[in-house]
């Protein structure tokens, strides 16, 4: 009986994760693979990151295969909020919401998400409308 409860509990947890990922994607409408930032915005983000983040973080860290994978099933607003609320470690929230969005655009470029013609928004509402998903075919 105990084993049945454990297996059942694991199945419910797996289903909850799948439902959460599906609902994040369907509610968002767009994904990071839909060209949700511009090349110019990513370049601005690179400049800001080199001035404020490079002392603790490297571009290679943000381009690691597991970096964006840790956000799959979430909206990009979660990453933006995490940066805004915790970075830089010695002065969280020091940058403008636009600068944090530019850094997120830079992170997306490092992870080979394609650039588009519209900048990544700097508003919570706009950022919540973009889901982090795995690239199709992976």
Protein backbone atom coordinates (compact mmCIF):
# COMPACT_ATOMS: atom_id res chain seq x y z
CA UNK A 1 0.00 0.00 0.00
CA UNK A 2 2.83 2.39 0.87
CA UNK A 3 4.45 1.86 -2.53
CA UNK A 4 1.15 2.58 -4.25
CA UNK A 5 0.83 5.86 -2.38
CA UNK A 6 4.38 6.87 -3.29
CA UNK A 7 3.87 6.02 -6.97
CA UNK A 8 0.52 7.82 -6.97
CA UNK A 9 2.06 10.87 -5.32
CA UNK A 10 4.87 10.96 -7.87
CA UNK A 11 2.36 10.70 -10.71
CA UNK A 12 0.37 13.63 -9.31
CA UNK A 13 3.56 15.69 -8.94
CA UNK A 14 4.58 14.92 -12.54
CA UNK A 15 1.11 15.80 -13.80
CA UNK A 16 1.16 19.06 -11.84
CA UNK A 17 4.49 20.01 -13.41
CA UNK A 18 3.22 19.20 -16.90
CA UNK A 19 -0.01 21.14 -16.34
CA UNK A 20 1.96 24.10 -14.93
CA UNK A 21 4.28 24.15 -17.95
CA UNK A 22 1.40 23.86 -20.39
CA UNK A 23 -0.59 26.59 -18.65
CA UNK A 24 2.43 28.92 -18.56
CA UNK A 25 2.89 28.48 -22.30
CA UNK A 26 -0.78 28.75 -23.26
CA UNK A 27 -1.39 31.77 -21.03
CA UNK A 28 1.66 33.52 -22.40
CA UNK A 29 0.90 33.11 -26.10
CA UNK A 30 4.51 33.82 -27.08
CA UNK A 31 7.69 32.00 -26.22
CA UNK A 32 11.31 33.10 -26.10
CA UNK A 33 11.69 31.49 -29.56
CA UNK A 34 9.31 34.01 -31.19
CA UNK A 35 11.81 36.88 -31.61
CA UNK A 36 10.78 38.75 -28.45
CA UNK A 37 13.79 41.09 -28.22
CA UNK A 38 15.92 43.07 -30.66
CA UNK A 39 19.61 42.81 -31.43
CA UNK A 40 20.07 46.44 -30.35
CA UNK A 41 18.41 45.68 -27.01
CA UNK A 42 20.68 42.66 -26.45
CA UNK A 43 23.70 44.86 -27.22
CA UNK A 44 22.52 47.39 -24.62
CA UNK A 45 22.10 44.53 -22.17
CA UNK A 46 25.60 43.31 -22.92
CA UNK A 47 26.99 46.78 -22.18
CA UNK A 48 25.10 47.05 -18.88
CA UNK A 49 26.07 43.51 -17.89
CA UNK A 50 29.74 44.16 -18.60
CA UNK A 51 29.61 47.18 -16.27
CA UNK A 52 27.46 45.79 -13.44
CA UNK A 53 27.48 41.99 -13.61
CA UNK A 54 30.91 40.96 -14.90
CA UNK A 55 32.52 41.11 -11.46
CA UNK A 56 30.50 38.06 -10.38
CA UNK A 57 29.06 36.53 -13.57
CA UNK A 58 30.34 35.58 -17.00
CA UNK A 59 28.49 35.34 -20.31
CA UNK A 60 29.47 31.67 -20.39
CA UNK A 61 27.55 31.10 -17.16
CA UNK A 62 24.40 32.55 -18.70
CA UNK A 63 24.85 30.53 -21.89
CA UNK A 64 25.20 27.18 -20.16
CA UNK A 65 22.67 24.63 -21.41
CA UNK A 66 21.08 24.40 -17.96
CA UNK A 67 20.71 28.14 -17.41
CA UNK A 68 17.53 28.77 -19.43
CA UNK A 69 16.45 25.17 -18.82
CA UNK A 70 15.96 26.10 -15.19
CA UNK A 71 13.25 28.54 -16.28
CA UNK A 72 11.34 26.19 -18.64
CA UNK A 73 7.65 26.28 -17.79
CA UNK A 74 7.87 29.78 -16.37
CA UNK A 75 7.38 33.16 -17.99
CA UNK A 76 10.37 35.40 -18.71
CA UNK A 77 9.04 37.82 -16.11
CA UNK A 78 10.25 35.43 -13.43
CA UNK A 79 13.85 35.83 -14.58
CA UNK A 80 13.44 39.60 -14.86
CA UNK A 81 11.98 39.76 -11.33
CA UNK A 82 14.73 37.57 -9.91
CA UNK A 83 17.38 39.87 -11.39
CA UNK A 84 15.57 43.01 -10.25
CA UNK A 85 15.06 41.77 -6.69
CA UNK A 86 18.46 40.16 -6.11
CA UNK A 87 21.04 41.77 -8.43
CA UNK A 88 23.50 43.19 -8.08
CA UNK A 89 23.95 41.37 -4.79
CA UNK A 90 25.33 44.46 -3.07
CA UNK A 91 22.57 46.75 -4.36
CA UNK A 92 19.46 44.91 -5.66
CA UNK A 93 17.18 47.02 -7.81
CA UNK A 94 19.97 49.48 -8.63
CA UNK A 95 19.21 49.36 -12.36
CA UNK A 96 16.06 50.52 -14.13
CA UNK A 97 13.43 47.98 -15.16
CA UNK A 98 14.46 48.70 -18.77
CA UNK A 99 18.11 47.88 -18.01
CA UNK A 100 17.07 44.60 -16.42
CA UNK A 101 14.96 43.81 -19.52
CA UNK A 102 17.99 44.60 -21.70
CA UNK A 103 20.11 42.17 -19.66
CA UNK A 104 17.42 39.49 -20.07
CA UNK A 105 17.48 40.16 -23.84
CA UNK A 106 21.25 39.68 -23.75
CA UNK A 107 20.78 36.39 -21.87
CA UNK A 108 18.29 35.25 -24.49
CA UNK A 109 20.78 36.06 -27.25
CA UNK A 110 23.47 34.06 -25.45
CA UNK A 111 21.07 31.11 -25.44
CA UNK A 112 20.44 31.45 -29.18
CA UNK A 113 16.85 32.60 -28.91
CA UNK A 114 16.29 34.54 -32.14
CA UNK A 115 16.07 38.33 -32.18
CA UNK A 116 13.00 39.99 -33.64
CA UNK A 117 11.76 43.47 -34.46
CA UNK A 118 10.14 44.33 -31.13
CA UNK A 119 12.00 44.94 -27.89
CA UNK A 120 11.45 42.76 -24.86
CA UNK A 121 9.05 44.73 -22.68
CA UNK A 122 10.11 46.09 -19.31
CA UNK A 123 6.67 45.72 -17.72
CA UNK A 124 5.55 42.81 -15.56
CA UNK A 125 2.46 42.33 -17.71
CA UNK A 126 4.45 42.23 -20.94
CA UNK A 127 7.09 39.90 -19.54
CA UNK A 128 4.47 37.50 -18.13
CA UNK A 129 3.13 37.11 -21.68
CA UNK A 130 6.34 35.36 -22.83
CA UNK A 131 6.90 31.73 -21.84
CA UNK A 132 10.26 30.07 -21.44
CA UNK A 133 10.10 26.79 -23.35
CA UNK A 134 12.54 24.34 -24.79
CA UNK A 135 13.49 24.92 -28.39
CA UNK A 136 11.34 22.86 -30.75
CA UNK A 137 13.03 19.58 -31.60
CA UNK A 138 14.97 19.36 -28.33
